[in-house]
C-alpha atoms as a PDB file:
ATOM      1  CA  MET A   1      51.374 -70.791   3.057  1.00  0.00           C
ATOM      2  CA  ALA A   2      52.761 -73.465   5.369  1.00  0.00           C
ATOM      3  CA  ASN A   3      53.113 -70.915   8.171  1.00  0.00           C
ATOM      4  CA  ILE A   4      49.447 -69.978   7.870  1.00  0.00           C
ATOM      5  CA  LEU A   5      48.404 -73.631   8.022  1.00  0.00           C
ATOM      6  CA  ILE A   6      50.513 -74.209  11.151  1.00  0.00           C
ATOM      7  CA  ILE A   7      49.031 -71.147  12.855  1.00  0.00           C
ATOM      8  CA  LEU A   8      45.480 -72.203  11.966  1.00  0.00           C
ATOM      9  CA  PHE A   9      46.168 -75.731  13.239  1.00  0.00           C
ATOM     10  CA  PHE A  10      47.317 -74.423  16.634  1.00  0.00           C
ATOM     11  CA  LEU A  11      44.428 -71.978  16.895  1.00  0.00           C
ATOM     12  CA  PHE A  12      41.782 -74.622  16.264  1.00  0.00           C
ATOM     13  CA  SER A  13      43.446 -77.356  18.309  1.00  0.00           C
ATOM     14  CA  CYS A  14      43.732 -75.139  21.397  1.00  0.00           C
ATOM     15  CA  SER A  15      40.038 -74.364  21.435  1.00  0.00           C
ATOM     16  CA  THR A  16      39.090 -78.052  21.445  1.00  0.00           C
ATOM     17  CA  TYR A  17      40.780 -78.559  24.808  1.00  0.00           C
ATOM     18  CA  ALA A  18      38.948 -75.711  26.521  1.00  0.00           C
ATOM     19  CA  LYS A  19      37.144 -76.763  29.662  1.00  0.00           C
ATOM     20  CA  ASP A  20      34.386 -75.186  31.769  1.00  0.00           C
ATOM     21  CA  PHE A  21      35.487 -75.087  35.409  1.00  0.00           C
ATOM     22  CA  GLY A  22      32.065 -74.029  36.678  1.00  0.00           C
ATOM     23  CA  THR A  23      31.235 -71.123  38.977  1.00  0.00           C
ATOM     24  CA  TYR A  24      33.145 -70.491  42.180  1.00  0.00           C
ATOM     25  CA  GLY A  25      32.187 -67.850  44.740  1.00  0.00           C
ATOM     26  CA  HIS A  26      29.295 -65.444  44.821  1.00  0.00           C
ATOM     27  CA  VAL A  27      27.703 -64.292  41.584  1.00  0.00           C
ATOM     28  CA  PHE A  28      26.137 -60.843  41.593  1.00  0.00           C
ATOM     29  CA  ASN A  29      23.606 -59.365  39.213  1.00  0.00           C
ATOM     30  CA  ILE A  30      24.741 -56.541  36.971  1.00  0.00           C
ATOM     31  CA  GLU A  31      23.482 -53.327  38.554  1.00  0.00           C
ATOM     32  CA  GLU A  32      24.511 -50.857  35.890  1.00  0.00           C
ATOM     33  CA  GLU A  33      22.202 -49.794  33.090  1.00  0.00           C
ATOM     34  CA  ASP A  34      22.532 -51.385  29.671  1.00  0.00           C
ATOM     35  CA  PHE A  35      24.788 -49.184  27.555  1.00  0.00           C
ATOM     36  CA  LEU A  36      22.415 -49.071  24.564  1.00  0.00           C
ATOM     37  CA  LYS A  37      19.496 -48.090  26.801  1.00  0.00           C
ATOM     38  CA  TYR A  38      21.695 -45.443  28.397  1.00  0.00           C
ATOM     39  CA  LEU A  39      22.649 -44.019  25.000  1.00  0.00           C
ATOM     40  CA  LYS A  40      19.028 -43.983  23.798  1.00  0.00           C
ATOM     41  CA  ARG A  41      17.877 -42.244  26.985  1.00  0.00           C
ATOM     42  CA  LYS A  42      20.698 -39.715  26.766  1.00  0.00           C
ATOM     43  CA  MET A  43      19.973 -39.004  23.091  1.00  0.00           C
ATOM     44  CA  ALA A  44      16.263 -38.549  23.798  1.00  0.00           C
ATOM     45  CA  SER A  45      16.909 -36.180  26.701  1.00  0.00           C
ATOM     46  CA  SER A  46      19.451 -34.162  24.726  1.00  0.00           C
ATOM     47  CA  ALA A  47      17.029 -33.994  21.788  1.00  0.00           C
ATOM     48  CA  ASP A  48      14.272 -32.758  24.122  1.00  0.00           C
ATOM     49  CA  GLU A  49      16.603 -30.192  25.658  1.00  0.00           C
ATOM     50  CA  LYS A  50      17.695 -28.980  22.236  1.00  0.00           C
ATOM     51  CA  LYS A  51      14.081 -28.818  21.022  1.00  0.00           C
ATOM     52  CA  ASN A  52      13.046 -26.834  24.104  1.00  0.00           C
ATOM     53  CA  GLN A  53      16.010 -24.509  23.649  1.00  0.00           C
ATOM     54  CA  LEU A  54      15.061 -23.880  20.003  1.00  0.00           C
ATOM     55  CA  LEU A  55      11.429 -23.252  20.971  1.00  0.00           C
ATOM     56  CA  GLU A  56      12.501 -20.679  23.557  1.00  0.00           C
ATOM     57  CA  GLU A  57      14.795 -19.026  21.032  1.00  0.00           C
ATOM     58  CA  TYR A  58      11.981 -18.810  18.455  1.00  0.00           C
ATOM     59  CA  LYS A  59       9.556 -17.436  21.044  1.00  0.00           C
ATOM     60  CA  ASN A  60      12.045 -14.722  21.936  1.00  0.00           C
ATOM     61  CA  ARG A  61      12.643 -13.884  18.276  1.00  0.00           C
ATOM     62  CA  PHE A  62       8.940 -13.534  17.473  1.00  0.00           C
ATOM     63  CA  SER A  63       8.026 -11.663  20.633  1.00  0.00           C
ATOM     64  CA  ASN A  64      10.932  -9.204  20.171  1.00  0.00           C
ATOM     65  CA  PRO A  65      11.624  -9.064  16.431  1.00  0.00           C
ATOM     66  CA  GLU A  66      14.695  -7.296  15.131  1.00  0.00           C
ATOM     67  CA  PHE A  67      14.446  -5.628  11.753  1.00  0.00           C
ATOM     68  CA  ASN A  68      17.969  -5.292  10.439  1.00  0.00           C
ATOM     69  CA  ILE A  69      17.189  -4.957   6.771  1.00  0.00           C
ATOM     70  CA  ASP A  70      19.747  -2.692   5.129  1.00  0.00           C
ATOM     71  CA  ILE A  71      18.176  -1.880   1.766  1.00  0.00           C
ATOM     72  CA  GLY A  72      19.665   1.524   1.131  1.00  0.00           C
ATOM     73  CA  TYR A  73      18.187   4.617  -0.480  1.00  0.00           C
ATOM     74  CA  THR A  74      17.158   5.208  -4.082  1.00  0.00           C
ATOM     75  CA  LYS A  75      19.041   7.617  -6.288  1.00  0.00           C
ATOM     76  CA  LYS A  76      16.251   8.061  -8.794  1.00  0.00           C
ATOM     77  CA  TYR A  77      12.516   7.632  -8.244  1.00  0.00           C
ATOM     78  CA  ARG A  78      10.940   5.104 -10.651  1.00  0.00           C
ATOM     79  CA  VAL A  79       7.571   3.378 -10.881  1.00  0.00           C
ATOM     80  CA  PHE A  80       6.874   0.096 -12.646  1.00  0.00           C
ATOM     81  CA  PHE A  81       3.400  -1.096 -13.573  1.00  0.00           C
ATOM     82  CA  TYR A  82       2.509  -4.666 -14.426  1.00  0.00           C
ATOM     83  CA  ASP A  83      -0.400  -5.525 -16.706  1.00  0.00           C
ATOM     84  CA  PRO A  84      -1.441  -9.148 -16.051  1.00  0.00           C
ATOM     85  CA  THR A  85      -4.045  -9.291 -18.844  1.00  0.00           C
ATOM     86  CA  ILE A  86      -3.570 -11.762 -21.672  1.00  0.00           C
ATOM     87  CA  THR A  87      -5.201 -12.327 -25.042  1.00  0.00           C
ATOM     88  CA  VAL A  88      -6.290 -15.911 -25.597  1.00  0.00           C
ATOM     89  CA  LYS A  89      -4.802 -17.233 -28.851  1.00  0.00           C
ATOM     90  CA  GLU A  90      -7.137 -20.217 -29.179  1.00  0.00           C
ATOM     91  CA  ASP A  91     -10.372 -21.460 -27.655  1.00  0.00           C
ATOM     92  CA  ILE A  92     -10.081 -22.970 -24.190  1.00  0.00           C
ATOM     93  CA  LYS A  93     -12.378 -25.960 -23.801  1.00  0.00           C
ATOM     94  CA  ASP A  94     -13.333 -28.227 -20.935  1.00  0.00           C
ATOM     95  CA  HIS A  95     -13.340 -32.048 -20.972  1.00  0.00           C
ATOM     96  CA  ASN A  96     -16.689 -32.103 -22.852  1.00  0.00           C
ATOM     97  CA  ASP A  97     -15.378 -29.818 -25.643  1.00  0.00           C
ATOM     98  CA  LYS A  98     -17.528 -26.962 -24.371  1.00  0.00           C
ATOM     99  CA  VAL A  99     -15.843 -23.588 -25.025  1.00  0.00           C
ATOM    100  CA  ILE A 100     -15.014 -21.836 -21.770  1.00  0.00           C
ATOM    101  CA  ILE A 101     -13.059 -18.871 -23.184  1.00  0.00           C
ATOM    102  CA  LYS A 102     -13.242 -17.830 -26.850  1.00  0.00           C
ATOM    103  CA  LYS A 103     -10.255 -16.990 -29.011  1.00  0.00           C
ATOM    104  CA  GLY A 104      -9.254 -13.304 -28.865  1.00  0.00           C
ATOM    105  CA  THR A 105     -10.782 -12.638 -25.431  1.00  0.00           C
ATOM    106  CA  ILE A 106      -8.799 -10.366 -23.138  1.00  0.00           C
END
């Protein structure tokens, strides 16, 4: 614990004696682009390039479709029919209790 206190004492005491010596010589403006702006611009351009690449790929797929569906052949011919009719088990009414469909209707 004592070692930590000594280290903290020296760290804080050294910073109190810091001095600004001013500016000597020529000072030049920073010419390079801000790194965050650079990253944003790069991300936007790469996103646009990727989007354009995907659009071209989709255009090629839809203009020249490939049908590689391997379903196979049947061994036995069968037919299935579906009957979507239902029999209503109770009256269906609207919000005013007016019967729309009566019980037993197909």
